[in-house]
Amino acid sequence: MRATIIHGPGDVRVEDRQEPEIKRPGDAVVKVAASCVCGSDLWPYRGAFRTPRPRPIGHEFVGVVQDVGPDVAALAPGDFVVAPFLVSCGQCPRCRNGVTAACGYLASWGGTDEAGFAIDGGQGQYVRVPRAESTLVKVPVAEPDRELAASLLTLSDVMATGHHPAVAARVGPGRSVVVVGDGAVGLCAVLAAKRLGAGPVIAMSRHADRQALAREFGAAAIVEERGPAAAAQVRGLLGGVLADAVLECVGTREAMEQAVACVRPGGNIGFVGSPSGGSELNVRELFNKNITIGGGLAPARTYIPELLEDVLAGTLDPGRVFDVEMPLESAPAAYRAMDERRAVKVLLRP
């Protein structure tokens, strides 16, 4: 089969790999229908994380079950499935509490399972899925069209991740929301906030194409300023007050400082940007303003069933976050396009 392999900074290749097979009784093998490049894939691509040896990459995919192990009863060949961005058991205390991203048997695409067997990356033609029943989510549509498949693919990570800070910040009807970050996660956070009834939603963005999509997703206003000027603009848009909730979707110190500056006393911050470059909080300021902060790595497996219902009902269409589509063989070009900010998010078709 063909699969995307990262060799080091700026070095992504599509290579021949052995087609996966069932290794353990709870496995499934999935033929990938669509995958994509994530902003977090750019970390090793840019050299922020080391790549000691070449490895498969990609953690978002949807596809069709090809084979299952003897312990898999809830899935069968021919089922269309969504794969969350992490493998989880569904039975440990963490999973039972909904925190599947901290599962006691957690495994990553492109890594290894608990028995030491290699796991394929999502940016390939086939993937062996450990703990298939607890990890994969079956879709009651045998052959989704291209548009629906794109929206289903977002549930694997980006839409679920955009939903997480909205849940953590207690977004709900009538609450004003500011979204910090205009990448794919930030745009999905705008969509998530509107889905939960928030209003108005203000998106922070300096890019015309992303501003346009944010408005399509429900943003009532755009703020291009940063720092105190941005907070002043938010206050002006909200009639003299700051936001009830801020969704931080970047992961830098500046982004978190911006979130704190834009939330009202007694308000909530939901964060989902993976911390990079230091993002220490001013605890005294949080204390004085009675700000509640929550978030972290999104438990996508917990959120997918709820979001899936709305996607299938046609009331949630996050697939529009994909502004570029390429064949799998063009994965190196897809990485360059996202690294150079010529694309918000690239969908790959094997």
Protein backbone atom coordinates (compact mmCIF):
# COMPACT_ATOMS: atom_id res chain seq x y z
CA MET A 1 0.00 0.00 0.00
CA ARG A 2 0.96 3.67 -0.18
CA ALA A 3 1.37 5.72 2.99
CA THR A 4 2.76 9.07 4.11
CA ILE A 5 6.03 8.86 6.04
CA ILE A 6 7.79 11.71 7.81
CA HIS A 7 11.59 11.49 7.70
CA GLY A 8 12.42 14.78 9.40
CA PRO A 9 11.81 18.53 9.23
CA GLY A 10 10.39 19.47 5.85
CA ASP A 11 10.73 15.88 4.62
CA VAL A 12 7.44 14.07 4.03
CA ARG A 13 7.25 11.26 1.46
CA VAL A 14 4.61 8.87 0.15
CA GLU A 15 6.12 5.39 0.13
CA ASP A 16 5.28 1.72 -0.28
CA ARG A 17 4.45 -0.04 2.97
CA GLN A 18 3.23 -3.51 3.84
CA GLU A 19 -0.55 -3.70 3.85
CA PRO A 20 -1.76 -4.22 7.45
CA GLU A 21 -3.39 -7.38 8.74
CA ILE A 22 -5.13 -8.47 11.91
CA LYS A 23 -2.59 -8.87 14.72
CA ARG A 24 -4.81 -9.19 17.80
CA PRO A 25 -8.40 -10.41 18.35
CA GLY A 26 -9.80 -6.90 18.86
CA ASP A 27 -8.30 -5.45 15.68
CA ALA A 28 -9.95 -4.22 12.51
CA VAL A 29 -8.40 -3.26 9.19
CA VAL A 30 -9.90 -0.15 7.57
CA LYS A 31 -9.55 0.94 3.96
CA VAL A 32 -9.15 4.72 4.12
CA ALA A 33 -11.68 6.76 2.13
CA ALA A 34 -10.34 10.16 3.19
CA SER A 35 -7.73 11.58 5.53
CA CYS A 36 -6.20 15.00 6.07
CA VAL A 37 -3.29 17.05 7.33
CA CYS A 38 -3.64 18.50 10.82
CA GLY A 39 -2.00 21.60 12.21
CA SER A 40 -0.30 19.37 14.79
CA ASP A 41 1.26 17.35 11.93
CA LEU A 42 3.19 20.51 11.15
CA TRP A 43 5.03 20.40 14.50
CA PRO A 44 7.43 17.60 13.46
CA TYR A 45 7.38 18.92 9.89
CA ARG A 46 8.71 22.25 11.17
CA GLY A 47 11.16 20.57 13.51
CA ALA A 48 9.38 21.51 16.75
CA PHE A 49 9.33 17.79 17.62
CA ARG A 50 12.18 15.43 16.82
CA THR A 51 11.75 12.57 14.36
CA PRO A 52 14.49 10.11 15.39
CA ARG A 53 13.52 7.71 12.60
CA PRO A 54 11.08 7.70 9.68
CA ARG A 55 7.53 6.94 10.81
CA PRO A 56 3.97 6.93 9.45
CA ILE A 57 2.04 10.12 10.07
CA GLY A 58 -1.59 11.25 10.13
CA HIS A 59 -4.26 10.73 12.79
CA GLU A 60 -7.57 11.65 11.10
CA PHE A 61 -9.35 9.28 8.74
CA VAL A 62 -12.65 7.74 7.73
CA GLY A 63 -13.09 4.57 5.72
CA VAL A 64 -14.59 1.14 5.20
CA VAL A 65 -13.93 -1.88 7.42
CA GLN A 66 -12.17 -4.60 5.44
CA ASP A 67 -11.54 -7.24 8.09
CA VAL A 68 -12.11 -7.77 11.81
CA GLY A 69 -10.58 -9.93 14.51
CA PRO A 70 -12.53 -12.72 16.25
CA ASP A 71 -13.40 -10.55 19.29
CA VAL A 72 -15.01 -7.81 17.19
CA ALA A 73 -18.80 -8.25 17.07
CA ALA A 74 -20.12 -4.69 16.67
CA LEU A 75 -18.33 -4.04 13.37
CA ALA A 76 -18.28 -5.96 10.11
CA PRO A 77 -16.65 -5.69 6.70
CA GLY A 78 -18.42 -3.02 4.67
CA ASP A 79 -19.17 -0.72 7.63
CA PHE A 80 -18.23 2.93 7.11
CA VAL A 81 -16.45 4.27 10.20
CA VAL A 82 -14.98 7.41 11.72
CA ALA A 83 -11.67 6.98 13.54
CA PRO A 84 -11.02 9.43 16.40
CA PHE A 85 -7.48 10.74 16.60
CA LEU A 86 -6.52 8.39 19.45
CA VAL A 87 -7.15 4.72 20.26
CA SER A 88 -9.08 4.15 23.51
CA CYS A 89 -10.49 1.18 25.42
CA GLY A 90 -13.88 2.56 26.46
CA GLN A 91 -13.81 0.62 29.73
CA CYS A 92 -11.20 2.12 32.05
CA PRO A 93 -12.31 4.73 34.64
CA ARG A 94 -11.05 7.57 32.49
CA CYS A 95 -13.02 6.42 29.47
CA ARG A 96 -16.13 5.79 31.55
CA ASN A 97 -15.84 9.38 32.77
CA GLY A 98 -15.71 10.60 29.17
CA VAL A 99 -12.00 11.47 29.15
CA THR A 100 -11.09 9.06 26.36
CA ALA A 101 -8.06 11.19 25.43
CA ALA A 102 -6.48 10.06 28.71
CA CYS A 103 -7.39 6.37 28.37
CA GLY A 104 -5.25 4.00 30.40
CA TYR A 105 -4.57 2.02 27.19
CA LEU A 106 -4.10 5.04 24.95
CA ALA A 107 -2.37 4.50 21.61
CA SER A 108 -1.61 6.79 18.69
CA TRP A 109 -1.80 6.35 14.94
CA GLY A 110 1.72 5.87 13.65
CA GLY A 111 2.83 4.52 17.03
CA THR A 112 2.53 1.09 18.65
CA ASP A 113 -0.20 -0.71 20.57
CA GLU A 114 0.13 -2.11 24.09
CA ALA A 115 1.53 -5.37 22.69
CA GLY A 116 4.22 -3.54 20.76
CA PHE A 117 2.72 -4.03 17.31
CA ALA A 118 3.10 -1.09 14.92
CA ILE A 119 0.01 0.99 14.13
CA ASP A 120 -0.36 2.58 10.71
CA GLY A 121 -0.69 6.32 10.22
CA GLY A 122 -3.96 7.76 9.01
CA GLN A 123 -2.49 9.24 5.83
CA GLY A 124 -2.35 5.98 3.93
CA GLN A 125 -4.49 3.49 2.07
CA TYR A 126 -5.12 1.08 4.95
CA VAL A 127 -4.91 1.21 8.75
CA ARG A 128 -4.89 -1.53 11.37
CA VAL A 129 -7.09 -0.33 14.23
CA PRO A 130 -6.43 -1.78 17.71
CA ARG A 131 -9.38 -1.93 20.12
CA ALA A 132 -11.62 -1.41 17.12
CA GLU A 133 -15.00 -1.69 18.87
CA SER A 134 -14.22 0.98 21.45
CA THR A 135 -12.32 3.24 19.08
CA LEU A 136 -14.21 3.32 15.77
CA VAL A 137 -17.65 4.88 15.38
CA LYS A 138 -19.92 3.21 12.83
CA VAL A 139 -21.79 5.51 10.46
CA PRO A 140 -25.25 4.31 9.34
CA VAL A 141 -24.49 5.29 5.74
CA ALA A 142 -22.83 2.70 3.53
CA GLU A 143 -21.36 5.04 0.94
CA PRO A 144 -21.43 8.72 1.94
CA ASP A 145 -20.98 11.20 -0.89
CA ARG A 146 -17.87 13.36 -1.04
CA GLU A 147 -19.44 16.28 0.82
CA LEU A 148 -20.77 14.12 3.64
CA ALA A 149 -17.49 12.19 3.87
CA ALA A 150 -15.64 15.49 4.36
CA SER A 151 -17.89 16.46 7.26
CA LEU A 152 -17.56 13.00 8.78
CA LEU A 153 -13.79 13.32 8.54
CA THR A 154 -13.83 16.49 10.65
CA LEU A 155 -15.36 14.50 13.51
CA SER A 156 -12.15 12.50 13.71
CA ASP A 157 -10.40 15.51 15.20
CA VAL A 158 -10.94 19.11 14.13
CA MET A 159 -14.69 19.45 14.75
CA ALA A 160 -14.51 17.46 17.98
CA THR A 161 -11.53 19.55 19.04
CA GLY A 162 -13.33 22.80 18.20
CA HIS A 163 -16.30 21.57 20.23
CA HIS A 164 -14.19 20.85 23.31
CA PRO A 165 -13.35 24.44 24.40
CA ALA A 166 -16.98 25.42 23.87
CA VAL A 167 -18.06 22.66 26.26
CA ALA A 168 -15.29 23.54 28.72
CA ALA A 169 -16.27 27.23 28.67
CA ARG A 170 -19.93 26.39 29.28
CA VAL A 171 -21.06 27.98 26.04
CA GLY A 172 -24.82 28.08 25.73
CA PRO A 173 -27.79 30.12 24.54
CA GLY A 174 -27.33 33.87 24.80
CA ARG A 175 -23.70 33.77 25.95
CA SER A 176 -21.25 35.97 24.08
CA VAL A 177 -18.16 34.18 22.78
CA VAL A 178 -14.76 35.24 21.44
CA VAL A 179 -12.73 32.69 19.48
CA VAL A 180 -8.95 33.22 19.51
CA GLY A 181 -7.40 31.52 16.48
CA ASP A 182 -8.55 31.26 12.87
CA GLY A 183 -7.05 27.90 11.96
CA ALA A 184 -9.26 24.90 11.27
CA VAL A 185 -9.85 24.31 14.99
CA GLY A 186 -10.74 27.94 15.63
CA LEU A 187 -13.16 27.95 12.72
CA CYS A 188 -14.79 24.78 14.01
CA ALA A 189 -14.97 26.41 17.46
CA VAL A 190 -17.04 29.18 15.87
CA LEU A 191 -19.33 26.53 14.42
CA ALA A 192 -19.49 24.72 17.78
CA ALA A 193 -20.39 27.90 19.65
CA LYS A 194 -23.25 28.65 17.25
CA ARG A 195 -24.44 25.06 17.46
CA LEU A 196 -24.69 25.43 21.24
CA GLY A 197 -26.77 28.59 20.86
CA ALA A 198 -24.16 31.25 21.64
CA GLY A 199 -24.49 34.77 20.43
CA PRO A 200 -22.90 36.94 19.44
CA VAL A 201 -19.77 35.04 18.40
CA ILE A 202 -16.68 37.12 17.61
CA ALA A 203 -13.81 35.59 15.64
CA MET A 204 -10.25 36.90 15.81
CA SER A 205 -8.67 36.71 12.38
CA ARG A 206 -6.43 38.68 10.04
CA HIS A 207 -6.95 36.55 6.94
CA ALA A 208 -9.74 37.44 4.51
CA ASP A 209 -10.47 33.85 3.43
CA ARG A 210 -10.71 32.64 7.02
CA GLN A 211 -12.78 35.64 8.02
CA ALA A 212 -15.26 34.77 5.28
CA LEU A 213 -15.56 31.17 6.48
CA ALA A 214 -15.89 32.29 10.10
CA ARG A 215 -18.84 34.45 9.07
CA GLU A 216 -20.37 31.53 7.18
CA PHE A 217 -19.97 29.43 10.33
CA GLY A 218 -21.83 32.02 12.39
CA ALA A 219 -19.41 34.74 13.53
CA ALA A 220 -21.24 38.03 13.89
CA ALA A 221 -18.06 40.11 13.91
CA ILE A 222 -14.34 39.88 13.20
CA VAL A 223 -11.54 41.41 15.28
CA GLU A 224 -8.18 41.93 13.59
CA GLU A 225 -6.50 43.79 16.46
CA ARG A 226 -4.37 42.10 19.10
CA GLY A 227 -3.52 42.85 22.71
CA PRO A 228 -5.33 45.61 24.62
CA ALA A 229 -6.70 47.04 21.35
CA ALA A 230 -8.45 43.73 20.65
CA ALA A 231 -9.99 43.65 24.12
CA ALA A 232 -11.18 47.24 23.63
CA GLN A 233 -12.76 46.30 20.32
CA VAL A 234 -14.51 43.30 21.90
CA ARG A 235 -15.85 45.59 24.60
CA GLY A 236 -17.13 47.99 21.95
CA LEU A 237 -18.85 45.19 20.02
CA LEU A 238 -20.53 43.88 23.18
CA GLY A 239 -21.92 47.17 24.41
CA GLY A 240 -19.22 48.00 26.92
CA VAL A 241 -18.59 44.57 28.45
CA LEU A 242 -16.18 41.74 27.75
CA ALA A 243 -17.17 38.25 26.57
CA ASP A 244 -18.91 35.65 28.70
CA ALA A 245 -16.62 32.98 27.22
CA VAL A 246 -13.39 32.87 25.23
CA LEU A 247 -12.25 29.82 23.27
CA GLU A 248 -8.45 29.67 22.94
CA CYS A 249 -7.50 27.60 19.86
CA VAL A 250 -3.81 28.43 19.27
CA GLY A 251 -1.65 27.27 22.15
CA THR A 252 0.76 30.19 22.52
CA ARG A 253 1.34 32.44 25.50
CA GLU A 254 0.08 35.40 23.47
CA ALA A 255 -3.15 33.59 22.61
CA MET A 256 -3.86 32.72 26.24
CA GLU A 257 -3.07 36.27 27.35
CA GLN A 258 -5.49 37.47 24.70
CA ALA A 259 -8.15 35.12 26.00
CA VAL A 260 -7.73 36.39 29.57
CA ALA A 261 -7.89 40.00 28.36
CA CYS A 262 -11.14 39.42 26.48
CA VAL A 263 -13.18 37.53 29.09
CA ARG A 264 -15.37 39.32 31.63
CA PRO A 265 -14.97 38.90 35.38
CA GLY A 266 -16.73 35.66 36.32
CA GLY A 267 -16.44 34.39 32.76
CA ASN A 268 -15.04 31.17 31.30
CA ILE A 269 -12.09 30.29 29.11
CA GLY A 270 -11.97 27.01 27.21
CA PHE A 271 -8.54 26.13 25.84
CA VAL A 272 -7.66 23.52 23.27
CA GLY A 273 -4.53 24.94 21.64
CA SER A 274 -1.69 22.58 22.49
CA PRO A 275 0.76 24.64 24.61
CA SER A 276 3.89 25.68 22.75
CA GLY A 277 6.62 28.15 23.57
CA GLY A 278 5.44 28.58 27.15
CA SER A 279 1.91 29.61 28.13
CA GLU A 280 2.09 30.35 31.84
CA LEU A 281 -0.99 31.93 33.38
CA ASN A 282 -1.18 34.94 35.65
CA VAL A 283 -2.97 33.21 38.50
CA ARG A 284 -3.43 36.47 40.42
CA GLU A 285 -5.34 37.96 37.51
CA LEU A 286 -7.51 34.85 37.22
CA PHE A 287 -8.12 34.97 40.95
CA ASN A 288 -9.03 38.65 40.97
CA LYS A 289 -11.40 38.28 38.00
CA ASN A 290 -12.92 34.95 39.14
CA ILE A 291 -12.18 33.40 35.75
CA THR A 292 -12.77 29.68 35.28
CA ILE A 293 -10.49 27.85 32.84
CA GLY A 294 -11.00 24.35 31.46
CA GLY A 295 -10.02 22.32 28.43
CA GLY A 296 -7.10 20.29 27.15
CA LEU A 297 -6.79 17.40 24.75
CA ALA A 298 -10.24 16.80 23.27
CA PRO A 299 -11.93 13.46 24.02
CA ALA A 300 -13.05 13.08 20.41
CA ARG A 301 -14.42 9.55 20.88
CA THR A 302 -16.82 10.90 23.51
CA TYR A 303 -18.08 13.72 21.29
CA ILE A 304 -18.38 11.94 17.94
CA PRO A 305 -21.78 10.25 18.45
CA GLU A 306 -23.46 13.53 19.42
CA LEU A 307 -21.89 15.50 16.58
CA LEU A 308 -22.54 12.68 14.11
CA GLU A 309 -26.29 12.97 14.66
CA ASP A 310 -26.25 16.61 13.57
CA VAL A 311 -24.00 15.95 10.57
CA LEU A 312 -26.33 13.20 9.35
CA ALA A 313 -29.36 15.43 9.98
CA GLY A 314 -27.79 18.14 7.82
CA THR A 315 -27.74 20.74 10.61
CA LEU A 316 -23.95 20.67 11.02
CA ASP A 317 -21.66 21.02 8.00
CA PRO A 318 -18.05 21.32 9.18
CA GLY A 319 -16.65 19.80 5.98
CA ARG A 320 -16.38 23.29 4.53
CA VAL A 321 -13.24 23.78 6.62
CA PHE A 322 -11.41 21.80 3.92
CA ASP A 323 -10.47 24.41 1.37
CA VAL A 324 -8.06 22.21 -0.61
CA GLU A 325 -8.34 18.58 -1.73
CA MET A 326 -5.40 16.55 -3.07
CA PRO A 327 -4.64 12.91 -3.89
CA LEU A 328 -2.63 11.00 -1.29
CA GLU A 329 0.39 11.02 -3.61
CA SER A 330 0.47 14.82 -3.24
CA ALA A 331 0.86 14.70 0.55
CA PRO A 332 4.22 16.54 0.43
CA ALA A 333 2.52 19.39 -1.45
CA ALA A 334 -0.31 19.35 1.10
CA TYR A 335 2.17 19.85 3.93
CA ARG A 336 3.84 22.72 2.09
CA ALA A 337 0.49 24.39 1.44
CA MET A 338 -0.48 24.29 5.10
CA ASP A 339 2.98 25.22 6.35
CA GLU A 340 2.93 28.29 4.08
CA ARG A 341 -0.66 29.12 5.10
CA ARG A 342 -1.91 28.72 1.55
CA ALA A 343 -4.52 26.29 2.86
CA VAL A 344 -6.62 26.12 6.00
CA LYS A 345 -6.87 22.34 5.93
CA VAL A 346 -6.08 19.85 3.17
CA LEU A 347 -8.15 16.73 2.58
CA LEU A 348 -6.30 13.75 1.10
CA ARG A 349 -7.96 11.08 -1.06
CA PRO A 350 -6.08 7.74 -1.35
